[in-house]
Amino acid sequence: MKIENKFIVINKKHLEEISQDKNLKPLVDKFMKGLNVISLILPNNKYWVVNQDEPYANEVIKLIGKGEDSKEIL
């Protein structure tokens, strides 16, 4: 299985935290507005996200790898 960096994941909690800075709030607000507009155009796909530092992360990636490898066989 080849692992690709094809997604951008940003924790909303972190955006909320940095938006407490009055200089960054307009940027975060504009960013969120842009994401909302883009999400209307993109397909309605859903994804699971796992932090790599979680103790179960290796098991999750192994399971995903098995699923991806099985797709290559078909």
C-alpha atoms as a PDB file:
ATOM      1  CA  MET A   1       0.000   0.000   0.000  1.00  0.00           C
ATOM      2  CA  LYS A   2       1.281   3.436  -0.947  1.00  0.00           C
ATOM      3  CA  ILE A   3       0.518   6.157   1.599  1.00  0.00           C
ATOM      4  CA  GLU A   4      -0.191   9.544   0.039  1.00  0.00           C
ATOM      5  CA  ASN A   5      -0.622  12.971   1.553  1.00  0.00           C
ATOM      6  CA  LYS A   6      -3.703  13.848  -0.446  1.00  0.00           C
ATOM      7  CA  PHE A   7      -5.815  15.462   2.274  1.00  0.00           C
ATOM      8  CA  ILE A   8      -5.606  18.614   4.352  1.00  0.00           C
ATOM      9  CA  VAL A   9      -6.923  18.203   7.901  1.00  0.00           C
ATOM     10  CA  ILE A  10      -7.320  21.178  10.196  1.00  0.00           C
ATOM     11  CA  ASN A  11      -8.819  20.744  13.636  1.00  0.00           C
ATOM     12  CA  LYS A  12     -11.697  23.231  14.060  1.00  0.00           C
ATOM     13  CA  LYS A  13     -10.720  23.558  17.711  1.00  0.00           C
ATOM     14  CA  HIS A  14      -7.359  24.985  16.642  1.00  0.00           C
ATOM     15  CA  LEU A  15      -9.045  27.461  14.308  1.00  0.00           C
ATOM     16  CA  GLU A  16     -11.274  28.589  17.161  1.00  0.00           C
ATOM     17  CA  GLU A  17      -8.220  29.004  19.388  1.00  0.00           C
ATOM     18  CA  ILE A  18      -6.253  31.122  16.916  1.00  0.00           C
ATOM     19  CA  SER A  19      -9.325  33.206  16.078  1.00  0.00           C
ATOM     20  CA  GLN A  20      -9.138  34.542  19.654  1.00  0.00           C
ATOM     21  CA  ASP A  21      -6.276  36.683  18.355  1.00  0.00           C
ATOM     22  CA  LYS A  22      -7.959  39.825  16.994  1.00  0.00           C
ATOM     23  CA  ASN A  23      -5.408  40.005  14.162  1.00  0.00           C
ATOM     24  CA  LEU A  24      -6.092  36.429  13.056  1.00  0.00           C
ATOM     25  CA  LYS A  25      -9.877  36.389  13.497  1.00  0.00           C
ATOM     26  CA  PRO A  26     -10.623  38.074  10.123  1.00  0.00           C
ATOM     27  CA  LEU A  27      -8.335  35.596   8.369  1.00  0.00           C
ATOM     28  CA  VAL A  28      -9.953  32.583  10.085  1.00  0.00           C
ATOM     29  CA  ASP A  29     -13.432  33.957   9.326  1.00  0.00           C
ATOM     30  CA  LYS A  30     -12.536  34.425   5.648  1.00  0.00           C
ATOM     31  CA  PHE A  31     -10.971  30.951   5.534  1.00  0.00           C
ATOM     32  CA  MET A  32     -14.092  29.323   7.014  1.00  0.00           C
ATOM     33  CA  LYS A  33     -16.351  31.246   4.631  1.00  0.00           C
ATOM     34  CA  GLY A  34     -14.229  30.043   1.707  1.00  0.00           C
ATOM     35  CA  LEU A  35     -14.371  26.444   2.929  1.00  0.00           C
ATOM     36  CA  ASN A  36     -18.156  26.650   3.220  1.00  0.00           C
ATOM     37  CA  VAL A  37     -18.449  27.883  -0.386  1.00  0.00           C
ATOM     38  CA  ILE A  38     -16.059  25.211  -1.669  1.00  0.00           C
ATOM     39  CA  SER A  39     -17.938  22.486   0.218  1.00  0.00           C
ATOM     40  CA  LEU A  40     -21.068  23.335  -1.785  1.00  0.00           C
ATOM     41  CA  ILE A  41     -19.197  22.498  -4.989  1.00  0.00           C
ATOM     42  CA  LEU A  42     -17.298  19.377  -3.908  1.00  0.00           C
ATOM     43  CA  PRO A  43     -18.807  15.889  -3.699  1.00  0.00           C
ATOM     44  CA  ASN A  44     -20.409  15.009  -0.384  1.00  0.00           C
ATOM     45  CA  ASN A  45     -17.686  12.584   0.679  1.00  0.00           C
ATOM     46  CA  LYS A  46     -17.149  11.675   4.320  1.00  0.00           C
ATOM     47  CA  TYR A  47     -13.816  10.694   5.862  1.00  0.00           C
ATOM     48  CA  TRP A  48     -12.499   9.325   9.128  1.00  0.00           C
ATOM     49  CA  VAL A  49      -9.431  11.015  10.574  1.00  0.00           C
ATOM     50  CA  VAL A  50      -7.038   9.361  13.028  1.00  0.00           C
ATOM     51  CA  ASN A  51      -4.249  11.184  14.813  1.00  0.00           C
ATOM     52  CA  GLN A  52      -0.997   9.369  14.108  1.00  0.00           C
ATOM     53  CA  ASP A  53       0.086   9.654  17.736  1.00  0.00           C
ATOM     54  CA  GLU A  54      -2.917   7.707  19.045  1.00  0.00           C
ATOM     55  CA  PRO A  55      -2.016   4.245  20.408  1.00  0.00           C
ATOM     56  CA  TYR A  56      -4.396   2.530  17.944  1.00  0.00           C
ATOM     57  CA  ALA A  57      -3.176   4.460  14.865  1.00  0.00           C
ATOM     58  CA  ASN A  58      -0.943   1.626  13.596  1.00  0.00           C
ATOM     59  CA  GLU A  59      -3.835  -0.834  13.734  1.00  0.00           C
ATOM     60  CA  VAL A  60      -6.039   1.578  11.806  1.00  0.00           C
ATOM     61  CA  ILE A  61      -3.433   2.102   9.071  1.00  0.00           C
ATOM     62  CA  LYS A  62      -2.947  -1.676   8.770  1.00  0.00           C
ATOM     63  CA  LEU A  63      -6.691  -2.141   8.330  1.00  0.00           C
ATOM     64  CA  ILE A  64      -6.855   0.634   5.737  1.00  0.00           C
ATOM     65  CA  GLY A  65      -3.869  -0.914   3.961  1.00  0.00           C
ATOM     66  CA  LYS A  66      -5.607  -4.281   3.719  1.00  0.00           C
ATOM     67  CA  GLY A  67      -8.664  -2.585   2.228  1.00  0.00           C
ATOM     68  CA  GLU A  68      -6.576  -0.643  -0.276  1.00  0.00           C
ATOM     69  CA  ASP A  69      -4.562  -3.729  -1.231  1.00  0.00           C
ATOM     70  CA  SER A  70      -7.776  -5.681  -1.837  1.00  0.00           C
ATOM     71  CA  LYS A  71      -8.957  -2.978  -4.256  1.00  0.00           C
ATOM     72  CA  GLU A  72      -5.769  -3.435  -6.308  1.00  0.00           C
ATOM     73  CA  ILE A  73      -6.538  -7.145  -6.734  1.00  0.00           C
ATOM     74  CA  LEU A  74     -10.002  -6.445  -8.167  1.00  0.00           C
END
